[in-house]
Amino acid sequence: MIDERQDEDRPGSSAFDDASARRRFSTILAELADDTARERISVGDILAAMGDRAFGALMLIFALPNILPTPPGTSAILGAPLVVLTAQMTLGLKPWLPKIIAARSMTTKDFATIVGRLMPLLVRAERLLRPRLAFLAAPPAEYAVGAVCFVLAVVLFLPMPLGNILPALAISLAAFGILERDGVWVVAGLVCAVVALTVVGGAVVAATLAFMLVVQHLLL
């Protein structure tokens, strides 16, 4: 059983609504995995289950796999939804995905297997998360975080060998912070974003200079 911590009720919100908003990401995934009434679980189901925290949840789902080396083309497949989601976050829109993405699904059994493997990692990470500096994980600061993550998602989408690891890590850290309203993790994600963009930018500059030198050598 996963412990859930509750914050004080916000003015104008019911205790039920506040409790629902504070459910852990791992708790919601476990509930979906245990729902035997469903034959399949889709990306749209996760979006609906997460409610107003769907941005953080979906960003995490699409960014985390890119932290590890993946087959060529994987970052483009997972990066496209991230570009859409982070653009919406930047503009203050509600999370929405094209039907072709939202309808992607797997059997509930397979989903439960994946959740079971991820659960220990998620629970350990959630133990380090707690509501603090919450203003950094909510509008209007959230829009700025979305803009940074949008740039990272575009970099992630580009076909750059091993160029997806640092941007994916930065997005994942920020997504964890947004999910649990932990501004410290958001800051960690932004710091990682600066490092990622510096490294990727340096690699692009180096590759450009090398290409220009080759062209110059061929023309001489």
N, C-alpha and C. Protein backbone atom coordinates (compact mmCIF):
# COMPACT_ATOMS: atom_id res chain seq x y z
N MET A 1 0.85 -1.20 0.00
CA MET A 1 0.00 0.00 0.00
C MET A 1 0.89 1.25 0.00
N ILE A 2 0.59 2.23 -0.83
CA ILE A 2 1.41 3.42 -0.93
C ILE A 2 0.83 4.52 -0.07
N ASP A 3 1.67 5.10 0.80
CA ASP A 3 1.20 6.18 1.66
C ASP A 3 0.93 7.41 0.83
N GLU A 4 -0.13 8.12 1.16
CA GLU A 4 -0.48 9.35 0.48
C GLU A 4 -0.55 10.46 1.51
N ARG A 5 0.07 11.59 1.20
CA ARG A 5 0.06 12.71 2.11
C ARG A 5 -0.89 13.78 1.59
N GLN A 6 -1.58 14.41 2.51
CA GLN A 6 -2.56 15.42 2.14
C GLN A 6 -2.09 16.79 2.59
N ASP A 7 -2.31 17.79 1.76
CA ASP A 7 -2.06 19.17 2.16
C ASP A 7 -3.33 19.73 2.77
N GLU A 8 -3.21 20.90 3.36
CA GLU A 8 -4.39 21.57 3.87
C GLU A 8 -5.29 21.95 2.72
N ASP A 9 -6.60 21.96 2.99
CA ASP A 9 -7.55 22.31 1.93
C ASP A 9 -7.31 23.72 1.46
N ARG A 10 -7.37 23.93 0.16
CA ARG A 10 -7.23 25.27 -0.38
C ARG A 10 -8.56 25.99 -0.28
N PRO A 11 -8.51 27.30 -0.14
CA PRO A 11 -9.76 28.06 -0.10
C PRO A 11 -10.54 27.84 -1.38
N GLY A 12 -11.83 27.57 -1.20
CA GLY A 12 -12.71 27.42 -2.36
C GLY A 12 -12.71 26.02 -2.93
N SER A 13 -11.95 25.08 -2.32
CA SER A 13 -11.93 23.71 -2.81
C SER A 13 -12.44 22.79 -1.73
N SER A 14 -13.12 21.75 -2.14
CA SER A 14 -13.62 20.78 -1.17
C SER A 14 -12.51 19.85 -0.76
N ALA A 15 -12.67 19.18 0.39
CA ALA A 15 -11.65 18.26 0.85
C ALA A 15 -11.50 17.11 -0.11
N PHE A 16 -12.62 16.71 -0.72
CA PHE A 16 -12.56 15.59 -1.67
C PHE A 16 -11.73 15.97 -2.89
N ASP A 17 -11.98 17.15 -3.45
CA ASP A 17 -11.25 17.59 -4.63
C ASP A 17 -9.77 17.71 -4.32
N ASP A 18 -9.43 18.24 -3.14
CA ASP A 18 -8.03 18.44 -2.79
C ASP A 18 -7.33 17.10 -2.62
N ALA A 19 -8.04 16.14 -1.99
CA ALA A 19 -7.44 14.82 -1.80
C ALA A 19 -7.19 14.15 -3.14
N SER A 20 -8.15 14.32 -4.05
CA SER A 20 -8.00 13.72 -5.38
C SER A 20 -6.80 14.30 -6.10
N ALA A 21 -6.60 15.64 -5.94
CA ALA A 21 -5.51 16.30 -6.64
C ALA A 21 -4.15 15.89 -6.09
N ARG A 22 -4.11 15.38 -4.83
CA ARG A 22 -2.85 15.04 -4.19
C ARG A 22 -2.46 13.58 -4.38
N ARG A 23 -3.26 12.79 -5.06
CA ARG A 23 -2.92 11.39 -5.24
C ARG A 23 -1.60 11.27 -5.98
N ARG A 24 -0.78 10.34 -5.53
CA ARG A 24 0.52 10.14 -6.14
C ARG A 24 0.37 9.56 -7.54
N PHE A 25 1.38 9.83 -8.38
CA PHE A 25 1.41 9.30 -9.72
C PHE A 25 1.40 7.77 -9.68
N SER A 26 2.20 7.19 -8.77
CA SER A 26 2.26 5.73 -8.64
C SER A 26 0.92 5.15 -8.21
N THR A 27 0.19 5.87 -7.37
CA THR A 27 -1.12 5.41 -6.91
C THR A 27 -2.11 5.35 -8.07
N ILE A 28 -2.10 6.38 -8.90
CA ILE A 28 -3.03 6.43 -10.04
C ILE A 28 -2.69 5.33 -11.05
N LEU A 29 -1.40 5.13 -11.31
CA LEU A 29 -1.00 4.06 -12.22
C LEU A 29 -1.42 2.70 -11.68
N ALA A 30 -1.25 2.50 -10.37
CA ALA A 30 -1.64 1.23 -9.75
C ALA A 30 -3.14 1.00 -9.86
N GLU A 31 -3.93 2.07 -9.68
CA GLU A 31 -5.38 1.95 -9.79
C GLU A 31 -5.79 1.56 -11.21
N LEU A 32 -5.13 2.16 -12.20
CA LEU A 32 -5.43 1.80 -13.59
C LEU A 32 -5.04 0.35 -13.87
N ALA A 33 -3.88 -0.06 -13.35
CA ALA A 33 -3.41 -1.43 -13.58
C ALA A 33 -4.31 -2.46 -12.92
N ASP A 34 -4.93 -2.09 -11.80
CA ASP A 34 -5.80 -3.02 -11.06
C ASP A 34 -7.25 -3.01 -11.54
N ASP A 35 -7.55 -2.15 -12.51
CA ASP A 35 -8.92 -2.03 -13.01
C ASP A 35 -9.22 -3.17 -13.99
N THR A 36 -9.73 -4.26 -13.48
CA THR A 36 -9.99 -5.43 -14.31
C THR A 36 -11.17 -5.23 -15.27
N ALA A 37 -11.92 -4.14 -15.06
CA ALA A 37 -13.05 -3.88 -15.96
C ALA A 37 -12.57 -3.40 -17.33
N ARG A 38 -11.33 -2.94 -17.40
CA ARG A 38 -10.78 -2.48 -18.67
C ARG A 38 -9.99 -3.60 -19.32
N GLU A 39 -10.17 -3.77 -20.62
CA GLU A 39 -9.37 -4.75 -21.35
C GLU A 39 -8.07 -4.12 -21.81
N ARG A 40 -8.09 -2.80 -22.08
CA ARG A 40 -6.91 -2.11 -22.57
C ARG A 40 -6.79 -0.76 -21.86
N ILE A 41 -5.56 -0.26 -21.77
CA ILE A 41 -5.28 1.05 -21.19
C ILE A 41 -4.65 1.90 -22.28
N SER A 42 -5.23 3.06 -22.54
CA SER A 42 -4.71 3.94 -23.59
C SER A 42 -4.05 5.17 -22.98
N VAL A 43 -3.32 5.90 -23.82
CA VAL A 43 -2.72 7.16 -23.39
C VAL A 43 -3.81 8.13 -22.94
N GLY A 44 -4.95 8.07 -23.63
CA GLY A 44 -6.09 8.92 -23.27
C GLY A 44 -6.64 8.59 -21.89
N ASP A 45 -6.61 7.30 -21.52
CA ASP A 45 -7.06 6.90 -20.18
C ASP A 45 -6.17 7.51 -19.10
N ILE A 46 -4.87 7.51 -19.35
CA ILE A 46 -3.92 8.09 -18.38
C ILE A 46 -4.15 9.59 -18.28
N LEU A 47 -4.37 10.23 -19.43
CA LEU A 47 -4.63 11.68 -19.44
C LEU A 47 -5.85 12.01 -18.60
N ALA A 48 -6.92 11.23 -18.79
CA ALA A 48 -8.16 11.47 -18.04
C ALA A 48 -7.99 11.19 -16.56
N ALA A 49 -7.24 10.14 -16.22
CA ALA A 49 -7.06 9.77 -14.81
C ALA A 49 -6.25 10.80 -14.05
N MET A 50 -5.29 11.45 -14.73
CA MET A 50 -4.43 12.41 -14.05
C MET A 50 -5.09 13.76 -13.84
N GLY A 51 -6.16 14.04 -14.57
CA GLY A 51 -6.88 15.30 -14.37
C GLY A 51 -6.01 16.50 -14.65
N ASP A 52 -5.94 17.44 -13.69
CA ASP A 52 -5.20 18.68 -13.92
C ASP A 52 -3.69 18.49 -13.83
N ARG A 53 -3.24 17.28 -13.54
CA ARG A 53 -1.80 17.01 -13.51
C ARG A 53 -1.36 16.17 -14.70
N ALA A 54 -2.16 16.16 -15.74
CA ALA A 54 -1.86 15.33 -16.91
C ALA A 54 -0.57 15.78 -17.61
N PHE A 55 -0.28 17.08 -17.57
CA PHE A 55 0.95 17.56 -18.21
C PHE A 55 2.16 16.83 -17.64
N GLY A 56 2.31 16.87 -16.32
CA GLY A 56 3.47 16.24 -15.70
C GLY A 56 3.52 14.75 -15.95
N ALA A 57 2.36 14.08 -15.85
CA ALA A 57 2.32 12.63 -16.03
C ALA A 57 2.71 12.22 -17.45
N LEU A 58 2.14 12.86 -18.45
CA LEU A 58 2.43 12.48 -19.83
C LEU A 58 3.84 12.88 -20.24
N MET A 59 4.31 14.03 -19.75
CA MET A 59 5.69 14.42 -20.03
C MET A 59 6.65 13.37 -19.49
N LEU A 60 6.36 12.88 -18.30
CA LEU A 60 7.20 11.86 -17.69
C LEU A 60 7.18 10.57 -18.48
N ILE A 61 5.99 10.17 -18.92
CA ILE A 61 5.84 8.92 -19.67
C ILE A 61 6.61 8.96 -20.99
N PHE A 62 6.58 10.11 -21.67
CA PHE A 62 7.25 10.20 -22.97
C PHE A 62 8.73 10.55 -22.86
N ALA A 63 9.14 11.14 -21.74
CA ALA A 63 10.54 11.55 -21.59
C ALA A 63 11.41 10.47 -20.97
N LEU A 64 10.89 9.77 -19.96
CA LEU A 64 11.71 8.80 -19.21
C LEU A 64 12.42 7.76 -20.09
N PRO A 65 11.73 7.15 -21.07
CA PRO A 65 12.42 6.12 -21.88
C PRO A 65 13.65 6.64 -22.61
N ASN A 66 13.70 7.94 -22.87
CA ASN A 66 14.82 8.51 -23.62
C ASN A 66 16.06 8.75 -22.78
N ILE A 67 15.94 8.54 -21.47
CA ILE A 67 17.11 8.72 -20.61
C ILE A 67 18.15 7.64 -20.90
N LEU A 68 17.67 6.45 -21.27
CA LEU A 68 18.56 5.36 -21.62
C LEU A 68 18.77 5.34 -23.13
N PRO A 69 19.92 4.85 -23.59
CA PRO A 69 20.13 4.73 -25.04
C PRO A 69 19.03 3.90 -25.68
N THR A 70 18.46 4.40 -26.75
CA THR A 70 17.34 3.74 -27.41
C THR A 70 17.64 3.54 -28.89
N PRO A 71 16.91 2.65 -29.58
CA PRO A 71 17.14 2.44 -31.01
C PRO A 71 16.91 3.72 -31.79
N PRO A 72 17.58 3.90 -32.93
CA PRO A 72 17.39 5.09 -33.76
C PRO A 72 15.92 5.30 -34.10
N GLY A 73 15.48 6.54 -34.00
CA GLY A 73 14.10 6.87 -34.32
C GLY A 73 13.17 6.91 -33.13
N THR A 74 13.59 6.31 -32.00
CA THR A 74 12.73 6.29 -30.82
C THR A 74 12.47 7.69 -30.29
N SER A 75 13.53 8.51 -30.26
CA SER A 75 13.37 9.87 -29.73
C SER A 75 12.41 10.69 -30.57
N ALA A 76 12.37 10.45 -31.87
CA ALA A 76 11.43 11.18 -32.73
C ALA A 76 10.00 10.76 -32.43
N ILE A 77 9.79 9.45 -32.20
CA ILE A 77 8.45 8.95 -31.92
C ILE A 77 7.94 9.49 -30.59
N LEU A 78 8.79 9.44 -29.56
CA LEU A 78 8.39 9.91 -28.23
C LEU A 78 8.50 11.42 -28.10
N GLY A 79 9.32 12.04 -28.93
CA GLY A 79 9.51 13.48 -28.83
C GLY A 79 8.35 14.29 -29.41
N ALA A 80 7.67 13.74 -30.42
CA ALA A 80 6.57 14.47 -31.05
C ALA A 80 5.46 14.80 -30.06
N PRO A 81 4.96 13.83 -29.25
CA PRO A 81 3.94 14.19 -28.25
C PRO A 81 4.46 15.21 -27.22
N LEU A 82 5.75 15.14 -26.90
CA LEU A 82 6.32 16.09 -25.94
C LEU A 82 6.29 17.51 -26.50
N VAL A 83 6.56 17.64 -27.79
CA VAL A 83 6.50 18.97 -28.42
C VAL A 83 5.09 19.54 -28.31
N VAL A 84 4.09 18.70 -28.58
CA VAL A 84 2.69 19.13 -28.50
C VAL A 84 2.32 19.52 -27.07
N LEU A 85 2.67 18.67 -26.11
CA LEU A 85 2.29 18.90 -24.70
C LEU A 85 2.97 20.14 -24.13
N THR A 86 4.27 20.29 -24.38
CA THR A 86 4.99 21.43 -23.81
C THR A 86 4.55 22.75 -24.46
N ALA A 87 4.18 22.71 -25.74
CA ALA A 87 3.64 23.91 -26.39
C ALA A 87 2.33 24.32 -25.74
N GLN A 88 1.48 23.35 -25.43
CA GLN A 88 0.21 23.64 -24.76
C GLN A 88 0.44 24.19 -23.36
N MET A 89 1.42 23.63 -22.64
CA MET A 89 1.72 24.12 -21.30
C MET A 89 2.20 25.57 -21.35
N THR A 90 3.04 25.87 -22.34
CA THR A 90 3.56 27.24 -22.49
C THR A 90 2.44 28.24 -22.72
N LEU A 91 1.44 27.83 -23.48
CA LEU A 91 0.33 28.72 -23.83
C LEU A 91 -0.80 28.71 -22.80
N GLY A 92 -0.65 27.89 -21.76
CA GLY A 92 -1.67 27.83 -20.72
C GLY A 92 -2.92 27.09 -21.14
N LEU A 93 -2.79 26.19 -22.11
CA LEU A 93 -3.94 25.43 -22.59
C LEU A 93 -4.09 24.14 -21.79
N LYS A 94 -5.26 23.52 -21.91
CA LYS A 94 -5.47 22.23 -21.27
C LYS A 94 -4.76 21.15 -22.09
N PRO A 95 -4.24 20.11 -21.43
CA PRO A 95 -3.53 19.07 -22.17
C PRO A 95 -4.46 18.34 -23.14
N TRP A 96 -3.99 18.17 -24.35
CA TRP A 96 -4.75 17.49 -25.38
C TRP A 96 -3.76 16.83 -26.33
N LEU A 97 -4.08 15.65 -26.80
CA LEU A 97 -3.24 14.95 -27.76
C LEU A 97 -4.07 14.52 -28.95
N PRO A 98 -3.48 14.51 -30.14
CA PRO A 98 -4.22 14.03 -31.32
C PRO A 98 -4.72 12.61 -31.08
N LYS A 99 -5.83 12.28 -31.71
CA LYS A 99 -6.46 10.98 -31.49
C LYS A 99 -5.52 9.83 -31.80
N ILE A 100 -4.65 10.01 -32.80
CA ILE A 100 -3.74 8.94 -33.19
C ILE A 100 -2.77 8.59 -32.06
N ILE A 101 -2.48 9.59 -31.19
CA ILE A 101 -1.60 9.36 -30.04
C ILE A 101 -2.41 8.92 -28.83
N ALA A 102 -3.52 9.63 -28.57
CA ALA A 102 -4.34 9.33 -27.39
C ALA A 102 -4.93 7.93 -27.45
N ALA A 103 -5.16 7.42 -28.66
CA ALA A 103 -5.79 6.11 -28.80
C ALA A 103 -4.80 4.95 -28.68
N ARG A 104 -3.51 5.26 -28.69
CA ARG A 104 -2.52 4.18 -28.55
C ARG A 104 -2.71 3.48 -27.21
N SER A 105 -2.76 2.15 -27.23
CA SER A 105 -3.08 1.43 -26.01
C SER A 105 -2.34 0.10 -25.93
N MET A 106 -2.44 -0.53 -24.76
CA MET A 106 -1.91 -1.87 -24.55
C MET A 106 -2.87 -2.61 -23.65
N THR A 107 -2.75 -3.92 -23.59
CA THR A 107 -3.65 -4.68 -22.73
C THR A 107 -3.41 -4.31 -21.27
N THR A 108 -4.45 -4.43 -20.47
CA THR A 108 -4.32 -4.09 -19.05
C THR A 108 -3.27 -4.98 -18.38
N LYS A 109 -3.16 -6.22 -18.83
CA LYS A 109 -2.17 -7.14 -18.25
C LYS A 109 -0.76 -6.65 -18.53
N ASP A 110 -0.49 -6.24 -19.76
CA ASP A 110 0.83 -5.73 -20.10
C ASP A 110 1.12 -4.43 -19.35
N PHE A 111 0.09 -3.58 -19.25
CA PHE A 111 0.24 -2.32 -18.51
C PHE A 111 0.59 -2.60 -17.05
N ALA A 112 -0.10 -3.58 -16.46
CA ALA A 112 0.14 -3.93 -15.06
C ALA A 112 1.57 -4.45 -14.87
N THR A 113 2.06 -5.20 -15.85
CA THR A 113 3.43 -5.71 -15.77
C THR A 113 4.45 -4.57 -15.78
N ILE A 114 4.24 -3.60 -16.67
CA ILE A 114 5.15 -2.45 -16.76
C ILE A 114 5.09 -1.63 -15.48
N VAL A 115 3.87 -1.38 -14.99
CA VAL A 115 3.71 -0.62 -13.77
C VAL A 115 4.39 -1.32 -12.60
N GLY A 116 4.26 -2.64 -12.55
CA GLY A 116 4.89 -3.40 -11.48
C GLY A 116 6.41 -3.25 -11.48
N ARG A 117 6.99 -3.18 -12.67
CA ARG A 117 8.45 -3.01 -12.77
C ARG A 117 8.88 -1.59 -12.41
N LEU A 118 8.05 -0.61 -12.76
CA LEU A 118 8.39 0.78 -12.49
C LEU A 118 8.08 1.21 -11.05
N MET A 119 7.17 0.50 -10.40
CA MET A 119 6.68 0.94 -9.10
C MET A 119 7.77 1.18 -8.06
N PRO A 120 8.75 0.27 -7.88
CA PRO A 120 9.78 0.53 -6.88
C PRO A 120 10.54 1.83 -7.14
N LEU A 121 10.86 2.10 -8.42
CA LEU A 121 11.57 3.33 -8.78
C LEU A 121 10.71 4.56 -8.51
N LEU A 122 9.43 4.48 -8.91
CA LEU A 122 8.53 5.61 -8.71
C LEU A 122 8.32 5.91 -7.23
N VAL A 123 8.15 4.87 -6.43
CA VAL A 123 7.92 5.06 -4.99
C VAL A 123 9.15 5.69 -4.34
N ARG A 124 10.35 5.22 -4.73
CA ARG A 124 11.57 5.81 -4.16
C ARG A 124 11.69 7.28 -4.52
N ALA A 125 11.37 7.60 -5.79
CA ALA A 125 11.44 8.99 -6.22
C ALA A 125 10.41 9.84 -5.49
N GLU A 126 9.21 9.32 -5.32
CA GLU A 126 8.14 10.07 -4.66
C GLU A 126 8.43 10.34 -3.19
N ARG A 127 9.27 9.49 -2.57
CA ARG A 127 9.63 9.73 -1.18
C ARG A 127 10.50 10.98 -1.04
N LEU A 128 11.17 11.37 -2.13
CA LEU A 128 11.99 12.57 -2.12
C LEU A 128 11.20 13.81 -2.51
N LEU A 129 9.99 13.58 -3.00
CA LEU A 129 9.13 14.68 -3.46
C LEU A 129 8.16 15.10 -2.38
N ARG A 130 7.97 16.40 -2.24
CA ARG A 130 6.95 16.92 -1.32
C ARG A 130 6.62 18.34 -1.75
N PRO A 131 5.42 18.82 -1.45
CA PRO A 131 5.05 20.18 -1.84
C PRO A 131 5.96 21.23 -1.19
N ARG A 132 6.71 21.95 -1.99
CA ARG A 132 7.59 23.03 -1.53
C ARG A 132 7.89 23.93 -2.73
N LEU A 133 8.05 25.20 -2.45
CA LEU A 133 8.20 26.18 -3.53
C LEU A 133 7.17 25.91 -4.62
N ALA A 134 5.93 25.65 -4.18
CA ALA A 134 4.89 25.22 -5.09
C ALA A 134 4.59 26.23 -6.19
N PHE A 135 4.92 27.50 -5.97
CA PHE A 135 4.63 28.52 -6.98
C PHE A 135 5.43 28.26 -8.27
N LEU A 136 6.54 27.52 -8.17
CA LEU A 136 7.33 27.20 -9.35
C LEU A 136 6.71 26.09 -10.19
N ALA A 137 5.77 25.36 -9.59
CA ALA A 137 5.12 24.25 -10.28
C ALA A 137 3.68 24.57 -10.63
N ALA A 138 3.33 25.83 -10.63
CA ALA A 138 1.96 26.26 -10.94
C ALA A 138 2.02 27.53 -11.79
N PRO A 139 0.95 27.84 -12.52
CA PRO A 139 0.94 29.09 -13.30
C PRO A 139 1.16 30.29 -12.40
N PRO A 140 1.83 31.35 -12.89
CA PRO A 140 2.36 31.51 -14.26
C PRO A 140 3.75 30.94 -14.47
N ALA A 141 4.44 30.56 -13.38
CA ALA A 141 5.80 30.01 -13.53
C ALA A 141 5.78 28.75 -14.39
N GLU A 142 4.69 27.99 -14.32
CA GLU A 142 4.58 26.76 -15.10
C GLU A 142 4.68 27.02 -16.59
N TYR A 143 4.21 28.20 -17.02
CA TYR A 143 4.29 28.53 -18.44
C TYR A 143 5.75 28.67 -18.88
N ALA A 144 6.56 29.31 -18.04
CA ALA A 144 7.99 29.46 -18.36
C ALA A 144 8.68 28.11 -18.38
N VAL A 145 8.33 27.24 -17.43
CA VAL A 145 8.88 25.88 -17.41
C VAL A 145 8.48 25.15 -18.69
N GLY A 146 7.24 25.35 -19.11
CA GLY A 146 6.77 24.74 -20.35
C GLY A 146 7.57 25.20 -21.55
N ALA A 147 7.93 26.49 -21.58
CA ALA A 147 8.70 27.03 -22.70
C ALA A 147 10.09 26.39 -22.76
N VAL A 148 10.72 26.23 -21.60
CA VAL A 148 12.04 25.59 -21.55
C VAL A 148 11.92 24.13 -22.01
N CYS A 149 10.89 23.44 -21.51
CA CYS A 149 10.69 22.04 -21.88
C CYS A 149 10.33 21.91 -23.36
N PHE A 150 9.68 22.92 -23.93
CA PHE A 150 9.37 22.90 -25.36
C PHE A 150 10.66 22.90 -26.18
N VAL A 151 11.60 23.76 -25.80
CA VAL A 151 12.89 23.80 -26.50
C VAL A 151 13.60 22.46 -26.36
N LEU A 152 13.56 21.89 -25.16
CA LEU A 152 14.18 20.59 -24.93
C LEU A 152 13.51 19.49 -25.76
N ALA A 153 12.17 19.57 -25.86
CA ALA A 153 11.43 18.57 -26.63
C ALA A 153 11.79 18.64 -28.11
N VAL A 154 11.99 19.85 -28.62
CA VAL A 154 12.40 20.01 -30.02
C VAL A 154 13.78 19.39 -30.23
N VAL A 155 14.70 19.63 -29.28
CA VAL A 155 16.03 19.03 -29.36
C VAL A 155 15.92 17.51 -29.30
N LEU A 156 15.05 17.03 -28.42
CA LEU A 156 14.84 15.59 -28.28
C LEU A 156 14.30 14.97 -29.56
N PHE A 157 13.48 15.73 -30.26
CA PHE A 157 12.85 15.25 -31.49
C PHE A 157 13.86 15.12 -32.64
N LEU A 158 14.92 15.92 -32.58
CA LEU A 158 15.90 15.92 -33.66
C LEU A 158 16.74 14.64 -33.63
N PRO A 159 17.15 14.15 -34.80
CA PRO A 159 17.93 12.91 -34.88
C PRO A 159 19.40 13.14 -34.53
N MET A 160 19.69 13.26 -33.23
CA MET A 160 21.07 13.48 -32.78
C MET A 160 21.51 12.29 -31.93
N PRO A 161 22.52 11.55 -32.34
CA PRO A 161 22.98 10.38 -31.58
C PRO A 161 23.33 10.77 -30.13
N LEU A 162 22.69 10.12 -29.17
CA LEU A 162 22.91 10.35 -27.74
C LEU A 162 22.58 11.78 -27.30
N GLY A 163 22.00 12.56 -28.22
CA GLY A 163 21.66 13.94 -27.87
C GLY A 163 20.34 14.06 -27.14
N ASN A 164 19.68 12.91 -26.92
CA ASN A 164 18.38 12.95 -26.28
C ASN A 164 18.43 12.68 -24.78
N ILE A 165 19.56 12.21 -24.26
CA ILE A 165 19.63 11.78 -22.87
C ILE A 165 19.48 12.95 -21.89
N LEU A 166 20.30 13.97 -22.04
CA LEU A 166 20.25 15.10 -21.12
C LEU A 166 18.93 15.88 -21.23
N PRO A 167 18.45 16.19 -22.44
CA PRO A 167 17.14 16.85 -22.53
C PRO A 167 16.02 16.03 -21.89
N ALA A 168 16.05 14.71 -22.09
CA ALA A 168 15.02 13.84 -21.50
C ALA A 168 15.11 13.85 -19.98
N LEU A 169 16.32 13.85 -19.44
CA LEU A 169 16.51 13.90 -17.99
C LEU A 169 15.98 15.21 -17.42
N ALA A 170 16.26 16.32 -18.10
CA ALA A 170 15.78 17.62 -17.65
C ALA A 170 14.25 17.68 -17.64
N ILE A 171 13.63 17.18 -18.71
CA ILE A 171 12.17 17.17 -18.78
C ILE A 171 11.59 16.29 -17.69
N SER A 172 12.21 15.14 -17.43
CA SER A 172 11.71 14.20 -16.42
C SER A 172 11.76 14.83 -15.02
N LEU A 173 12.85 15.50 -14.70
CA LEU A 173 12.97 16.15 -13.39
C LEU A 173 11.89 17.22 -13.22
N ALA A 174 11.72 18.05 -14.26
CA ALA A 174 10.69 19.09 -14.20
C ALA A 174 9.30 18.49 -14.10
N ALA A 175 9.08 17.38 -14.83
CA ALA A 175 7.76 16.73 -14.82
C ALA A 175 7.45 16.18 -13.43
N PHE A 176 8.43 15.57 -12.78
CA PHE A 176 8.23 15.08 -11.41
C PHE A 176 7.84 16.24 -10.49
N GLY A 177 8.53 17.37 -10.65
CA GLY A 177 8.23 18.54 -9.82
C GLY A 177 6.82 19.06 -10.04
N ILE A 178 6.38 19.10 -11.30
CA ILE A 178 5.03 19.58 -11.60
C ILE A 178 3.99 18.61 -11.07
N LEU A 179 4.27 17.31 -11.18
CA LEU A 179 3.34 16.29 -10.70
C LEU A 179 3.05 16.44 -9.21
N GLU A 180 4.10 16.63 -8.41
CA GLU A 180 3.96 16.66 -6.96
C GLU A 180 4.11 18.06 -6.37
N ARG A 181 4.08 19.08 -7.25
CA ARG A 181 4.16 20.48 -6.81
C ARG A 181 5.42 20.74 -5.98
N ASP A 182 6.52 20.15 -6.45
CA ASP A 182 7.81 20.30 -5.77
C ASP A 182 8.70 21.22 -6.61
N GLY A 183 8.80 22.48 -6.19
CA GLY A 183 9.58 23.45 -6.94
C GLY A 183 11.06 23.15 -6.95
N VAL A 184 11.56 22.41 -5.95
CA VAL A 184 12.98 22.06 -5.91
C VAL A 184 13.33 21.18 -7.11
N TRP A 185 12.47 20.23 -7.41
CA TRP A 185 12.71 19.35 -8.57
C TRP A 185 12.56 20.13 -9.88
N VAL A 186 11.67 21.11 -9.89
CA VAL A 186 11.54 21.96 -11.09
C VAL A 186 12.83 22.72 -11.32
N VAL A 187 13.40 23.28 -10.25
CA VAL A 187 14.67 23.99 -10.36
C VAL A 187 15.77 23.05 -10.83
N ALA A 188 15.79 21.83 -10.28
CA ALA A 188 16.78 20.84 -10.73
C ALA A 188 16.63 20.55 -12.22
N GLY A 189 15.38 20.48 -12.68
CA GLY A 189 15.14 20.27 -14.10
C GLY A 189 15.63 21.43 -14.95
N LEU A 190 15.46 22.65 -14.46
CA LEU A 190 15.91 23.83 -15.21
C LEU A 190 17.43 23.90 -15.25
N VAL A 191 18.08 23.55 -14.15
CA VAL A 191 19.55 23.52 -14.13
C VAL A 191 20.06 22.48 -15.12
N CYS A 192 19.43 21.32 -15.11
CA CYS A 192 19.80 20.27 -16.05
C CYS A 192 19.54 20.71 -17.49
N ALA A 193 18.48 21.51 -17.69
CA ALA A 193 18.16 22.02 -19.03
C ALA A 193 19.28 22.92 -19.55
N VAL A 194 19.81 23.78 -18.66
CA VAL A 194 20.92 24.66 -19.06
C VAL A 194 22.12 23.83 -19.48
N VAL A 195 22.43 22.80 -18.68
CA VAL A 195 23.55 21.91 -19.01
C VAL A 195 23.29 21.21 -20.34
N ALA A 196 22.07 20.70 -20.51
CA ALA A 196 21.72 19.96 -21.73
C ALA A 196 21.85 20.85 -22.96
N LEU A 197 21.31 22.05 -22.89
CA LEU A 197 21.35 22.94 -24.05
C LEU A 197 22.78 23.40 -24.34
N THR A 198 23.59 23.55 -23.29
CA THR A 198 24.99 23.94 -23.48
C THR A 198 25.75 22.82 -24.18
N VAL A 199 25.55 21.58 -23.72
CA VAL A 199 26.23 20.44 -24.32
C VAL A 199 25.78 20.22 -25.76
N VAL A 200 24.47 20.23 -25.97
CA VAL A 200 23.94 20.01 -27.32
C VAL A 200 24.35 21.15 -28.25
N GLY A 201 24.26 22.38 -27.74
CA GLY A 201 24.68 23.53 -28.54
C GLY A 201 26.14 23.45 -28.93
N GLY A 202 26.99 23.05 -27.96
CA GLY A 202 28.41 22.88 -28.26
C GLY A 202 28.65 21.82 -29.31
N ALA A 203 27.89 20.73 -29.22
CA ALA A 203 28.03 19.65 -30.20
C ALA A 203 27.61 20.11 -31.59
N VAL A 204 26.54 20.89 -31.66
CA VAL A 204 26.07 21.40 -32.96
C VAL A 204 27.11 22.35 -33.56
N VAL A 205 27.65 23.24 -32.73
CA VAL A 205 28.67 24.18 -33.21
C VAL A 205 29.90 23.42 -33.70
N ALA A 206 30.34 22.43 -32.92
CA ALA A 206 31.51 21.65 -33.31
C ALA A 206 31.27 20.91 -34.62
N ALA A 207 30.08 20.32 -34.76
CA ALA A 207 29.75 19.59 -35.99
C ALA A 207 29.70 20.53 -37.19
N THR A 208 29.16 21.73 -36.98
CA THR A 208 29.08 22.72 -38.06
C THR A 208 30.46 23.16 -38.51
N LEU A 209 31.33 23.43 -37.53
CA LEU A 209 32.69 23.85 -37.87
C LEU A 209 33.43 22.74 -38.60
N ALA A 210 33.24 21.50 -38.14
CA ALA A 210 33.90 20.38 -38.80
C ALA A 210 33.41 20.24 -40.24
N PHE A 211 32.11 20.40 -40.44
CA PHE A 211 31.54 20.31 -41.79
C PHE A 211 32.11 21.41 -42.68
N MET A 212 32.21 22.63 -42.15
CA MET A 212 32.75 23.74 -42.93
C MET A 212 34.20 23.50 -43.30
N LEU A 213 34.98 22.92 -42.38
CA LEU A 213 36.38 22.63 -42.66
C LEU A 213 36.51 21.58 -43.76
N VAL A 214 35.64 20.57 -43.72
CA VAL A 214 35.66 19.53 -44.75
C VAL A 214 35.32 20.13 -46.11
N VAL A 215 34.28 20.96 -46.15
CA VAL A 215 33.87 21.59 -47.41
C VAL A 215 34.98 22.48 -47.93
N GLN A 216 35.60 23.25 -47.04
CA GLN A 216 36.69 24.13 -47.45
C GLN A 216 37.87 23.33 -48.00
N HIS A 217 38.16 22.20 -47.36
CA HIS A 217 39.26 21.35 -47.82
C HIS A 217 38.95 20.77 -49.21
N LEU A 218 37.70 20.41 -49.45
CA LEU A 218 37.33 19.83 -50.74
C LEU A 218 37.36 20.87 -51.85
N LEU A 219 37.08 22.11 -51.50
CA LEU A 219 37.05 23.18 -52.51
C LEU A 219 38.44 23.69 -52.87
N LEU A 220 39.39 23.43 -52.01
CA LEU A 220 40.76 23.91 -52.28
C LEU A 220 41.49 22.99 -53.25
